[in-house]
Amino acid sequence: MHEQPRFYNVLTSNCTTNIQTHVVATSRTPRPWDWRILLPGKLDELIHMRGGFVSDLPLSELKERCLVNPVANRIGNAKDFSRRIREQIPGFEK
């Protein structure tokens, strides 16, 4: 990168827009462009609207249940940490 730096366009070539580019390239049913792709803070709304999450919970409740910080703080360095932080998250229940 030092020898040949590549311009990083924060609007058209970022982590979110690059995912959309790959989805379009590999999907049998490409999704239309949406302004929320440009704003990572709004991407969850778009994914939820398009049925991209395992749960059919309202987005606000899904986001609340997916917050792992309180659980992570409570369980600390448990050997089964990875499993335990996912117990409350829709789609990871047993």
PDB file of N, CA and C in Angstrom:
ATOM      1  N   MET A   1       0.809  -1.183   0.000  1.00  0.00           N
ATOM      2  CA  MET A   1       0.000   0.000   0.000  1.00  0.00           C
ATOM      3  C   MET A   1       0.861   1.259   0.000  1.00  0.00           C
ATOM      4  N   HIS A   2       1.996   1.167   0.643  1.00  0.00           N
ATOM      5  CA  HIS A   2       2.857   2.338   0.688  1.00  0.00           C
ATOM      6  C   HIS A   2       3.341   2.702  -0.716  1.00  0.00           C
ATOM      7  N   GLU A   3       3.697   1.696  -1.504  1.00  0.00           N
ATOM      8  CA  GLU A   3       4.223   1.934  -2.848  1.00  0.00           C
ATOM      9  C   GLU A   3       3.136   2.376  -3.825  1.00  0.00           C
ATOM     10  N   GLN A   4       1.956   1.765  -3.715  1.00  0.00           N
ATOM     11  CA  GLN A   4       0.852   2.106  -4.608  1.00  0.00           C
ATOM     12  C   GLN A   4      -0.428   2.281  -3.801  1.00  0.00           C
ATOM     13  N   PRO A   5      -0.580   3.429  -3.158  1.00  0.00           N
ATOM     14  CA  PRO A   5      -1.776   3.638  -2.348  1.00  0.00           C
ATOM     15  C   PRO A   5      -3.030   3.635  -3.213  1.00  0.00           C
ATOM     16  N   ARG A   6      -4.083   3.131  -2.641  1.00  0.00           N
ATOM     17  CA  ARG A   6      -5.363   3.087  -3.344  1.00  0.00           C
ATOM     18  C   ARG A   6      -6.305   4.078  -2.678  1.00  0.00           C
ATOM     19  N   PHE A   7      -6.954   4.878  -3.491  1.00  0.00           N
ATOM     20  CA  PHE A   7      -7.880   5.870  -2.960  1.00  0.00           C
ATOM     21  C   PHE A   7      -9.095   5.164  -2.375  1.00  0.00           C
ATOM     22  N   TYR A   8      -9.446   5.513  -1.171  1.00  0.00           N
ATOM     23  CA  TYR A   8     -10.593   4.938  -0.483  1.00  0.00           C
ATOM     24  C   TYR A   8     -11.690   5.986  -0.462  1.00  0.00           C
ATOM     25  N   ASN A   9     -12.714   5.751  -1.241  1.00  0.00           N
ATOM     26  CA  ASN A   9     -13.818   6.690  -1.307  1.00  0.00           C
ATOM     27  C   ASN A   9     -14.839   6.313  -0.241  1.00  0.00           C
ATOM     28  N   VAL A  10     -14.968   7.118   0.789  1.00  0.00           N
ATOM     29  CA  VAL A  10     -15.847   6.781   1.901  1.00  0.00           C
ATOM     30  C   VAL A  10     -17.321   6.738   1.506  1.00  0.00           C
ATOM     31  N   LEU A  11     -17.665   7.310   0.386  1.00  0.00           N
ATOM     32  CA  LEU A  11     -19.059   7.294  -0.036  1.00  0.00           C
ATOM     33  C   LEU A  11     -19.379   6.112  -0.938  1.00  0.00           C
ATOM     34  N   THR A  12     -18.514   5.816  -1.887  1.00  0.00           N
ATOM     35  CA  THR A  12     -18.844   4.779  -2.874  1.00  0.00           C
ATOM     36  C   THR A  12     -18.074   3.485  -2.710  1.00  0.00           C
ATOM     37  N   SER A  13     -17.047   3.474  -1.882  1.00  0.00           N
ATOM     38  CA  SER A  13     -16.272   2.252  -1.681  1.00  0.00           C
ATOM     39  C   SER A  13     -15.932   2.111  -0.207  1.00  0.00           C
ATOM     40  N   ASN A  14     -16.892   1.645   0.544  1.00  0.00           N
ATOM     41  CA  ASN A  14     -16.667   1.440   1.968  1.00  0.00           C
ATOM     42  C   ASN A  14     -17.158   0.049   2.341  1.00  0.00           C
ATOM     43  N   CYS A  15     -17.080  -0.303   3.594  1.00  0.00           N
ATOM     44  CA  CYS A  15     -17.441  -1.674   3.993  1.00  0.00           C
ATOM     45  C   CYS A  15     -18.879  -2.007   3.627  1.00  0.00           C
ATOM     46  N   THR A  16     -19.783  -1.062   3.725  1.00  0.00           N
ATOM     47  CA  THR A  16     -21.189  -1.337   3.439  1.00  0.00           C
ATOM     48  C   THR A  16     -21.460  -1.411   1.942  1.00  0.00           C
ATOM     49  N   THR A  17     -20.953  -0.457   1.187  1.00  0.00           N
ATOM     50  CA  THR A  17     -21.201  -0.487  -0.255  1.00  0.00           C
ATOM     51  C   THR A  17     -20.493  -1.667  -0.910  1.00  0.00           C
ATOM     52  N   ASN A  18     -19.347  -2.069  -0.369  1.00  0.00           N
ATOM     53  CA  ASN A  18     -18.651  -3.229  -0.936  1.00  0.00           C
ATOM     54  C   ASN A  18     -19.434  -4.515  -0.713  1.00  0.00           C
ATOM     55  N   ILE A  19     -20.100  -4.629   0.429  1.00  0.00           N
ATOM     56  CA  ILE A  19     -20.951  -5.800   0.662  1.00  0.00           C
ATOM     57  C   ILE A  19     -22.076  -5.815  -0.359  1.00  0.00           C
ATOM     58  N   GLN A  20     -22.696  -4.678  -0.586  1.00  0.00           N
ATOM     59  CA  GLN A  20     -23.778  -4.593  -1.581  1.00  0.00           C
ATOM     60  C   GLN A  20     -23.265  -4.997  -2.956  1.00  0.00           C
ATOM     61  N   THR A  21     -22.093  -4.582  -3.311  1.00  0.00           N
ATOM     62  CA  THR A  21     -21.512  -4.943  -4.604  1.00  0.00           C
ATOM     63  C   THR A  21     -21.373  -6.455  -4.725  1.00  0.00           C
ATOM     64  N   HIS A  22     -20.920  -7.114  -3.653  1.00  0.00           N
ATOM     65  CA  HIS A  22     -20.767  -8.569  -3.673  1.00  0.00           C
ATOM     66  C   HIS A  22     -22.112  -9.282  -3.695  1.00  0.00           C
ATOM     67  N   VAL A  23     -23.078  -8.748  -2.976  1.00  0.00           N
ATOM     68  CA  VAL A  23     -24.419  -9.346  -2.976  1.00  0.00           C
ATOM     69  C   VAL A  23     -25.011  -9.291  -4.379  1.00  0.00           C
ATOM     70  N   VAL A  24     -24.907  -8.163  -5.013  1.00  0.00           N
ATOM     71  CA  VAL A  24     -25.433  -8.021  -6.376  1.00  0.00           C
ATOM     72  C   VAL A  24     -24.721  -8.975  -7.323  1.00  0.00           C
ATOM     73  N   ALA A  25     -23.422  -9.111  -7.164  1.00  0.00           N
ATOM     74  CA  ALA A  25     -22.638  -9.968  -8.055  1.00  0.00           C
ATOM     75  C   ALA A  25     -22.938 -11.449  -7.870  1.00  0.00           C
ATOM     76  N   THR A  26     -23.352 -11.844  -6.678  1.00  0.00           N
ATOM     77  CA  THR A  26     -23.536 -13.267  -6.410  1.00  0.00           C
ATOM     78  C   THR A  26     -24.988 -13.693  -6.224  1.00  0.00           C
ATOM     79  N   SER A  27     -25.902 -12.760  -6.207  1.00  0.00           N
ATOM     80  CA  SER A  27     -27.292 -13.081  -5.934  1.00  0.00           C
ATOM     81  C   SER A  27     -28.070 -13.399  -7.208  1.00  0.00           C
ATOM     82  N   ARG A  28     -28.964 -14.342  -7.064  1.00  0.00           N
ATOM     83  CA  ARG A  28     -29.861 -14.665  -8.190  1.00  0.00           C
ATOM     84  C   ARG A  28     -30.977 -13.640  -8.294  1.00  0.00           C
ATOM     85  N   THR A  29     -31.285 -13.008  -7.194  1.00  0.00           N
ATOM     86  CA  THR A  29     -32.312 -11.965  -7.176  1.00  0.00           C
ATOM     87  C   THR A  29     -31.711 -10.699  -6.566  1.00  0.00           C
ATOM     88  N   PRO A  30     -30.992  -9.943  -7.362  1.00  0.00           N
ATOM     89  CA  PRO A  30     -30.346  -8.731  -6.843  1.00  0.00           C
ATOM     90  C   PRO A  30     -31.360  -7.763  -6.238  1.00  0.00           C
ATOM     91  N   ARG A  31     -30.939  -7.103  -5.209  1.00  0.00           N
ATOM     92  CA  ARG A  31     -31.780  -6.125  -4.543  1.00  0.00           C
ATOM     93  C   ARG A  31     -31.504  -4.746  -5.114  1.00  0.00           C
ATOM     94  N   PRO A  32     -32.531  -3.929  -5.223  1.00  0.00           N
ATOM     95  CA  PRO A  32     -32.313  -2.573  -5.733  1.00  0.00           C
ATOM     96  C   PRO A  32     -31.489  -1.741  -4.764  1.00  0.00           C
ATOM     97  N   TRP A  33     -30.850  -0.748  -5.290  1.00  0.00           N
ATOM     98  CA  TRP A  33     -30.043   0.160  -4.488  1.00  0.00           C
ATOM     99  C   TRP A  33     -30.955   0.899  -3.521  1.00  0.00           C
ATOM    100  N   ASP A  34     -30.463   1.182  -2.348  1.00  0.00           N
ATOM    101  CA  ASP A  34     -31.229   1.893  -1.328  1.00  0.00           C
ATOM    102  C   ASP A  34     -30.293   2.867  -0.632  1.00  0.00           C
ATOM    103  N   TRP A  35     -30.782   4.044  -0.328  1.00  0.00           N
ATOM    104  CA  TRP A  35     -29.949   5.074   0.289  1.00  0.00           C
ATOM    105  C   TRP A  35     -29.347   4.624   1.612  1.00  0.00           C
ATOM    106  N   ARG A  36     -29.985   3.685   2.318  1.00  0.00           N
ATOM    107  CA  ARG A  36     -29.475   3.226   3.611  1.00  0.00           C
ATOM    108  C   ARG A  36     -28.169   2.450   3.479  1.00  0.00           C
ATOM    109  N   ILE A  37     -27.840   2.017   2.266  1.00  0.00           N
ATOM    110  CA  ILE A  37     -26.567   1.338   2.044  1.00  0.00           C
ATOM    111  C   ILE A  37     -25.405   2.309   2.269  1.00  0.00           C
ATOM    112  N   LEU A  38     -25.635   3.576   2.021  1.00  0.00           N
ATOM    113  CA  LEU A  38     -24.590   4.586   2.194  1.00  0.00           C
ATOM    114  C   LEU A  38     -24.363   4.972   3.654  1.00  0.00           C
ATOM    115  N   LEU A  39     -25.313   4.669   4.503  1.00  0.00           N
ATOM    116  CA  LEU A  39     -25.220   5.050   5.910  1.00  0.00           C
ATOM    117  C   LEU A  39     -25.244   3.795   6.775  1.00  0.00           C
ATOM    118  N   PRO A  40     -24.077   3.309   7.184  1.00  0.00           N
ATOM    119  CA  PRO A  40     -24.025   2.068   7.951  1.00  0.00           C
ATOM    120  C   PRO A  40     -24.939   2.053   9.172  1.00  0.00           C
ATOM    121  N   GLY A  41     -25.217   3.192   9.757  1.00  0.00           N
ATOM    122  CA  GLY A  41     -26.102   3.260  10.905  1.00  0.00           C
ATOM    123  C   GLY A  41     -27.550   2.968  10.563  1.00  0.00           C
ATOM    124  N   LYS A  42     -27.895   2.962   9.297  1.00  0.00           N
ATOM    125  CA  LYS A  42     -29.256   2.682   8.840  1.00  0.00           C
ATOM    126  C   LYS A  42     -29.371   1.327   8.162  1.00  0.00           C
ATOM    127  N   LEU A  43     -28.266   0.648   7.980  1.00  0.00           N
ATOM    128  CA  LEU A  43     -28.274  -0.612   7.244  1.00  0.00           C
ATOM    129  C   LEU A  43     -29.123  -1.679   7.925  1.00  0.00           C
ATOM    130  N   ASP A  44     -29.140  -1.697   9.245  1.00  0.00           N
ATOM    131  CA  ASP A  44     -29.955  -2.688   9.936  1.00  0.00           C
ATOM    132  C   ASP A  44     -31.433  -2.547   9.576  1.00  0.00           C
ATOM    133  N   GLU A  45     -31.908  -1.317   9.383  1.00  0.00           N
ATOM    134  CA  GLU A  45     -33.299  -1.096   8.974  1.00  0.00           C
ATOM    135  C   GLU A  45     -33.576  -1.746   7.617  1.00  0.00           C
ATOM    136  N   LEU A  46     -32.653  -1.558   6.706  1.00  0.00           N
ATOM    137  CA  LEU A  46     -32.813  -2.118   5.373  1.00  0.00           C
ATOM    138  C   LEU A  46     -32.792  -3.643   5.407  1.00  0.00           C
ATOM    139  N   ILE A  47     -31.852  -4.212   6.130  1.00  0.00           N
ATOM    140  CA  ILE A  47     -31.757  -5.668   6.225  1.00  0.00           C
ATOM    141  C   ILE A  47     -33.024  -6.231   6.859  1.00  0.00           C
ATOM    142  N   HIS A  48     -33.507  -5.594   7.908  1.00  0.00           N
ATOM    143  CA  HIS A  48     -34.728  -6.046   8.576  1.00  0.00           C
ATOM    144  C   HIS A  48     -35.920  -5.962   7.626  1.00  0.00           C
ATOM    145  N   MET A  49     -36.039  -4.849   6.922  1.00  0.00           N
ATOM    146  CA  MET A  49     -37.145  -4.658   5.993  1.00  0.00           C
ATOM    147  C   MET A  49     -37.154  -5.735   4.901  1.00  0.00           C
ATOM    148  N   ARG A  50     -35.974  -6.150   4.486  1.00  0.00           N
ATOM    149  CA  ARG A  50     -35.857  -7.148   3.419  1.00  0.00           C
ATOM    150  C   ARG A  50     -35.874  -8.590   3.933  1.00  0.00           C
ATOM    151  N   GLY A  51     -36.099  -8.759   5.227  1.00  0.00           N
ATOM    152  CA  GLY A  51     -36.188 -10.100   5.789  1.00  0.00           C
ATOM    153  C   GLY A  51     -34.855 -10.796   5.945  1.00  0.00           C
ATOM    154  N   GLY A  52     -33.807 -10.034   6.111  1.00  0.00           N
ATOM    155  CA  GLY A  52     -32.469 -10.600   6.183  1.00  0.00           C
ATOM    156  C   GLY A  52     -32.053 -11.134   7.539  1.00  0.00           C
ATOM    157  N   PHE A  53     -32.875 -10.924   8.563  1.00  0.00           N
ATOM    158  CA  PHE A  53     -32.560 -11.448   9.884  1.00  0.00           C
ATOM    159  C   PHE A  53     -33.406 -12.677  10.153  1.00  0.00           C
ATOM    160  N   VAL A  54     -32.914 -13.563  10.987  1.00  0.00           N
ATOM    161  CA  VAL A  54     -33.601 -14.812  11.306  1.00  0.00           C
ATOM    162  C   VAL A  54     -34.923 -14.549  12.025  1.00  0.00           C
ATOM    163  N   SER A  55     -35.009 -13.487  12.760  1.00  0.00           N
ATOM    164  CA  SER A  55     -36.155 -13.199  13.614  1.00  0.00           C
ATOM    165  C   SER A  55     -37.208 -12.348  12.915  1.00  0.00           C
ATOM    166  N   ASP A  56     -38.448 -12.502  13.357  1.00  0.00           N
ATOM    167  CA  ASP A  56     -39.507 -11.628  12.877  1.00  0.00           C
ATOM    168  C   ASP A  56     -39.912 -10.607  13.939  1.00  0.00           C
ATOM    169  N   LEU A  57     -39.045 -10.432  14.949  1.00  0.00           N
ATOM    170  CA  LEU A  57     -39.272  -9.431  15.982  1.00  0.00           C
ATOM    171  C   LEU A  57     -39.190  -8.031  15.376  1.00  0.00           C
ATOM    172  N   PRO A  58     -39.867  -7.054  15.989  1.00  0.00           N
ATOM    173  CA  PRO A  58     -39.657  -5.662  15.569  1.00  0.00           C
ATOM    174  C   PRO A  58     -38.175  -5.318  15.722  1.00  0.00           C
ATOM    175  N   LEU A  59     -37.669  -4.476  14.859  1.00  0.00           N
ATOM    176  CA  LEU A  59     -36.240  -4.168  14.854  1.00  0.00           C
ATOM    177  C   LEU A  59     -35.751  -3.648  16.207  1.00  0.00           C
ATOM    178  N   SER A  60     -36.519  -2.800  16.851  1.00  0.00           N
ATOM    179  CA  SER A  60     -36.071  -2.261  18.138  1.00  0.00           C
ATOM    180  C   SER A  60     -35.884  -3.378  19.170  1.00  0.00           C
ATOM    181  N   GLU A  61     -36.806  -4.349  19.217  1.00  0.00           N
ATOM    182  CA  GLU A  61     -36.673  -5.454  20.164  1.00  0.00           C
ATOM    183  C   GLU A  61     -35.523  -6.383  19.776  1.00  0.00           C
ATOM    184  N   LEU A  62     -35.372  -6.624  18.482  1.00  0.00           N
ATOM    185  CA  LEU A  62     -34.281  -7.471  18.010  1.00  0.00           C
ATOM    186  C   LEU A  62     -32.931  -6.863  18.397  1.00  0.00           C
ATOM    187  N   LYS A  63     -32.769  -5.559  18.193  1.00  0.00           N
ATOM    188  CA  LYS A  63     -31.519  -4.892  18.547  1.00  0.00           C
ATOM    189  C   LYS A  63     -31.260  -4.978  20.050  1.00  0.00           C
ATOM    190  N   GLU A  64     -32.299  -4.818  20.841  1.00  0.00           N
ATOM    191  CA  GLU A  64     -32.147  -4.910  22.290  1.00  0.00           C
ATOM    192  C   GLU A  64     -31.714  -6.313  22.706  1.00  0.00           C
ATOM    193  N   ARG A  65     -32.307  -7.328  22.104  1.00  0.00           N
ATOM    194  CA  ARG A  65     -31.958  -8.709  22.459  1.00  0.00           C
ATOM    195  C   ARG A  65     -30.580  -9.114  21.939  1.00  0.00           C
ATOM    196  N   CYS A  66     -30.097  -8.420  20.909  1.00  0.00           N
ATOM    197  CA  CYS A  66     -28.795  -8.756  20.329  1.00  0.00           C
ATOM    198  C   CYS A  66     -27.634  -8.045  21.015  1.00  0.00           C
ATOM    199  N   LEU A  67     -27.923  -7.150  21.922  1.00  0.00           N
ATOM    200  CA  LEU A  67     -26.863  -6.446  22.643  1.00  0.00           C
ATOM    201  C   LEU A  67     -26.208  -7.406  23.627  1.00  0.00           C
ATOM    202  N   VAL A  68     -24.968  -7.746  23.387  1.00  0.00           N
ATOM    203  CA  VAL A  68     -24.287  -8.746  24.208  1.00  0.00           C
ATOM    204  C   VAL A  68     -23.503  -8.142  25.372  1.00  0.00           C
ATOM    205  N   ASN A  69     -23.343  -6.838  25.419  1.00  0.00           N
ATOM    206  CA  ASN A  69     -22.515  -6.227  26.459  1.00  0.00           C
ATOM    207  C   ASN A  69     -22.908  -6.614  27.881  1.00  0.00           C
ATOM    208  N   PRO A  70     -24.188  -6.523  28.271  1.00  0.00           N
ATOM    209  CA  PRO A  70     -24.528  -6.889  29.655  1.00  0.00           C
ATOM    210  C   PRO A  70     -24.204  -8.349  29.967  1.00  0.00           C
ATOM    211  N   VAL A  71     -24.478  -9.217  29.016  1.00  0.00           N
ATOM    212  CA  VAL A  71     -24.193 -10.647  29.215  1.00  0.00           C
ATOM    213  C   VAL A  71     -22.688 -10.867  29.282  1.00  0.00           C
ATOM    214  N   ALA A  72     -21.962 -10.246  28.383  1.00  0.00           N
ATOM    215  CA  ALA A  72     -20.506 -10.401  28.360  1.00  0.00           C
ATOM    216  C   ALA A  72     -19.888  -9.916  29.666  1.00  0.00           C
ATOM    217  N   ASN A  73     -20.369  -8.810  30.180  1.00  0.00           N
ATOM    218  CA  ASN A  73     -19.852  -8.297  31.452  1.00  0.00           C
ATOM    219  C   ASN A  73     -20.168  -9.247  32.605  1.00  0.00           C
ATOM    220  N   ARG A  74     -21.340  -9.861  32.560  1.00  0.00           N
ATOM    221  CA  ARG A  74     -21.756 -10.756  33.636  1.00  0.00           C
ATOM    222  C   ARG A  74     -20.966 -12.063  33.629  1.00  0.00           C
ATOM    223  N   ILE A  75     -20.705 -12.627  32.443  1.00  0.00           N
ATOM    224  CA  ILE A  75     -20.059 -13.942  32.402  1.00  0.00           C
ATOM    225  C   ILE A  75     -18.537 -13.861  32.374  1.00  0.00           C
ATOM    226  N   GLY A  76     -18.006 -12.690  32.124  1.00  0.00           N
ATOM    227  CA  GLY A  76     -16.556 -12.504  32.198  1.00  0.00           C
ATOM    228  C   GLY A  76     -15.775 -13.396  31.255  1.00  0.00           C
ATOM    229  N   ASN A  77     -14.813 -14.123  31.788  1.00  0.00           N
ATOM    230  CA  ASN A  77     -13.918 -14.952  30.980  1.00  0.00           C
ATOM    231  C   ASN A  77     -14.314 -16.427  30.990  1.00  0.00           C
ATOM    232  N   ALA A  78     -15.592 -16.700  31.014  1.00  0.00           N
ATOM    233  CA  ALA A  78     -16.056 -18.093  31.046  1.00  0.00           C
ATOM    234  C   ALA A  78     -15.535 -18.861  29.830  1.00  0.00           C
ATOM    235  N   LYS A  79     -15.264 -20.128  30.033  1.00  0.00           N
ATOM    236  CA  LYS A  79     -14.746 -20.955  28.939  1.00  0.00           C
ATOM    237  C   LYS A  79     -15.744 -21.080  27.798  1.00  0.00           C
ATOM    238  N   ASP A  80     -17.024 -21.024  28.117  1.00  0.00           N
ATOM    239  CA  ASP A  80     -18.062 -21.127  27.091  1.00  0.00           C
ATOM    240  C   ASP A  80     -18.626 -19.750  26.734  1.00  0.00           C
ATOM    241  N   PHE A  81     -17.785 -18.736  26.842  1.00  0.00           N
ATOM    242  CA  PHE A  81     -18.175 -17.344  26.582  1.00  0.00           C
ATOM    243  C   PHE A  81     -18.901 -17.195  25.252  1.00  0.00           C
ATOM    244  N   SER A  82     -18.328 -17.711  24.191  1.00  0.00           N
ATOM    245  CA  SER A  82     -18.897 -17.544  22.859  1.00  0.00           C
ATOM    246  C   SER A  82     -20.316 -18.100  22.774  1.00  0.00           C
ATOM    247  N   ARG A  83     -20.541 -19.237  23.374  1.00  0.00           N
ATOM    248  CA  ARG A  83     -21.875 -19.835  23.349  1.00  0.00           C
ATOM    249  C   ARG A  83     -22.846 -19.029  24.209  1.00  0.00           C
ATOM    250  N   ARG A  84     -22.405 -18.634  25.371  1.00  0.00           N
ATOM    251  CA  ARG A  84     -23.294 -17.968  26.321  1.00  0.00           C
ATOM    252  C   ARG A  84     -23.741 -16.580  25.884  1.00  0.00           C
ATOM    253  N   ILE A  85     -22.903 -15.841  25.181  1.00  0.00           N
ATOM    254  CA  ILE A  85     -23.344 -14.512  24.741  1.00  0.00           C
ATOM    255  C   ILE A  85     -24.389 -14.612  23.634  1.00  0.00           C
ATOM    256  N   ARG A  86     -24.500 -15.770  23.010  1.00  0.00           N
ATOM    257  CA  ARG A  86     -25.468 -15.944  21.932  1.00  0.00           C
ATOM    258  C   ARG A  86     -26.801 -16.541  22.390  1.00  0.00           C
ATOM    259  N   GLU A  87     -26.888 -16.987  23.613  1.00  0.00           N
ATOM    260  CA  GLU A  87     -28.091 -17.662  24.095  1.00  0.00           C
ATOM    261  C   GLU A  87     -29.352 -16.818  23.960  1.00  0.00           C
ATOM    262  N   GLN A  88     -29.250 -15.528  24.173  1.00  0.00           N
ATOM    263  CA  GLN A  88     -30.418 -14.643  24.136  1.00  0.00           C
ATOM    264  C   GLN A  88     -30.747 -14.151  22.724  1.00  0.00           C
ATOM    265  N   ILE A  89     -29.851 -14.380  21.785  1.00  0.00           N
ATOM    266  CA  ILE A  89     -29.988 -13.796  20.454  1.00  0.00           C
ATOM    267  C   ILE A  89     -30.859 -14.668  19.562  1.00  0.00           C
ATOM    268  N   PRO A  90     -31.901 -14.085  18.974  1.00  0.00           N
ATOM    269  CA  PRO A  90     -32.760 -14.861  18.074  1.00  0.00           C
ATOM    270  C   PRO A  90     -31.942 -15.493  16.952  1.00  0.00           C
ATOM    271  N   GLY A  91     -32.221 -16.767  16.709  1.00  0.00           N
ATOM    272  CA  GLY A  91     -31.496 -17.496  15.689  1.00  0.00           C
ATOM    273  C   GLY A  91     -30.394 -18.362  16.255  1.00  0.00           C
ATOM    274  N   PHE A  92     -30.010 -18.117  17.510  1.00  0.00           N
ATOM    275  CA  PHE A  92     -28.966 -18.900  18.156  1.00  0.00           C
ATOM    276  C   PHE A  92     -29.523 -19.763  19.284  1.00  0.00           C
ATOM    277  N   GLU A  93     -30.828 -19.650  19.554  1.00  0.00           N
ATOM    278  CA  GLU A  93     -31.398 -20.444  20.641  1.00  0.00           C
ATOM    279  C   GLU A  93     -31.309 -21.919  20.286  1.00  0.00           C
ATOM    280  N   LYS A  94     -31.353 -22.725  21.313  1.00  0.00           N
ATOM    281  CA  LYS A  94     -31.330 -24.175  21.094  1.00  0.00           C
ATOM    282  C   LYS A  94     -32.710 -24.667  20.774  1.00  0.00           C
TER     283      LYS A  94
END
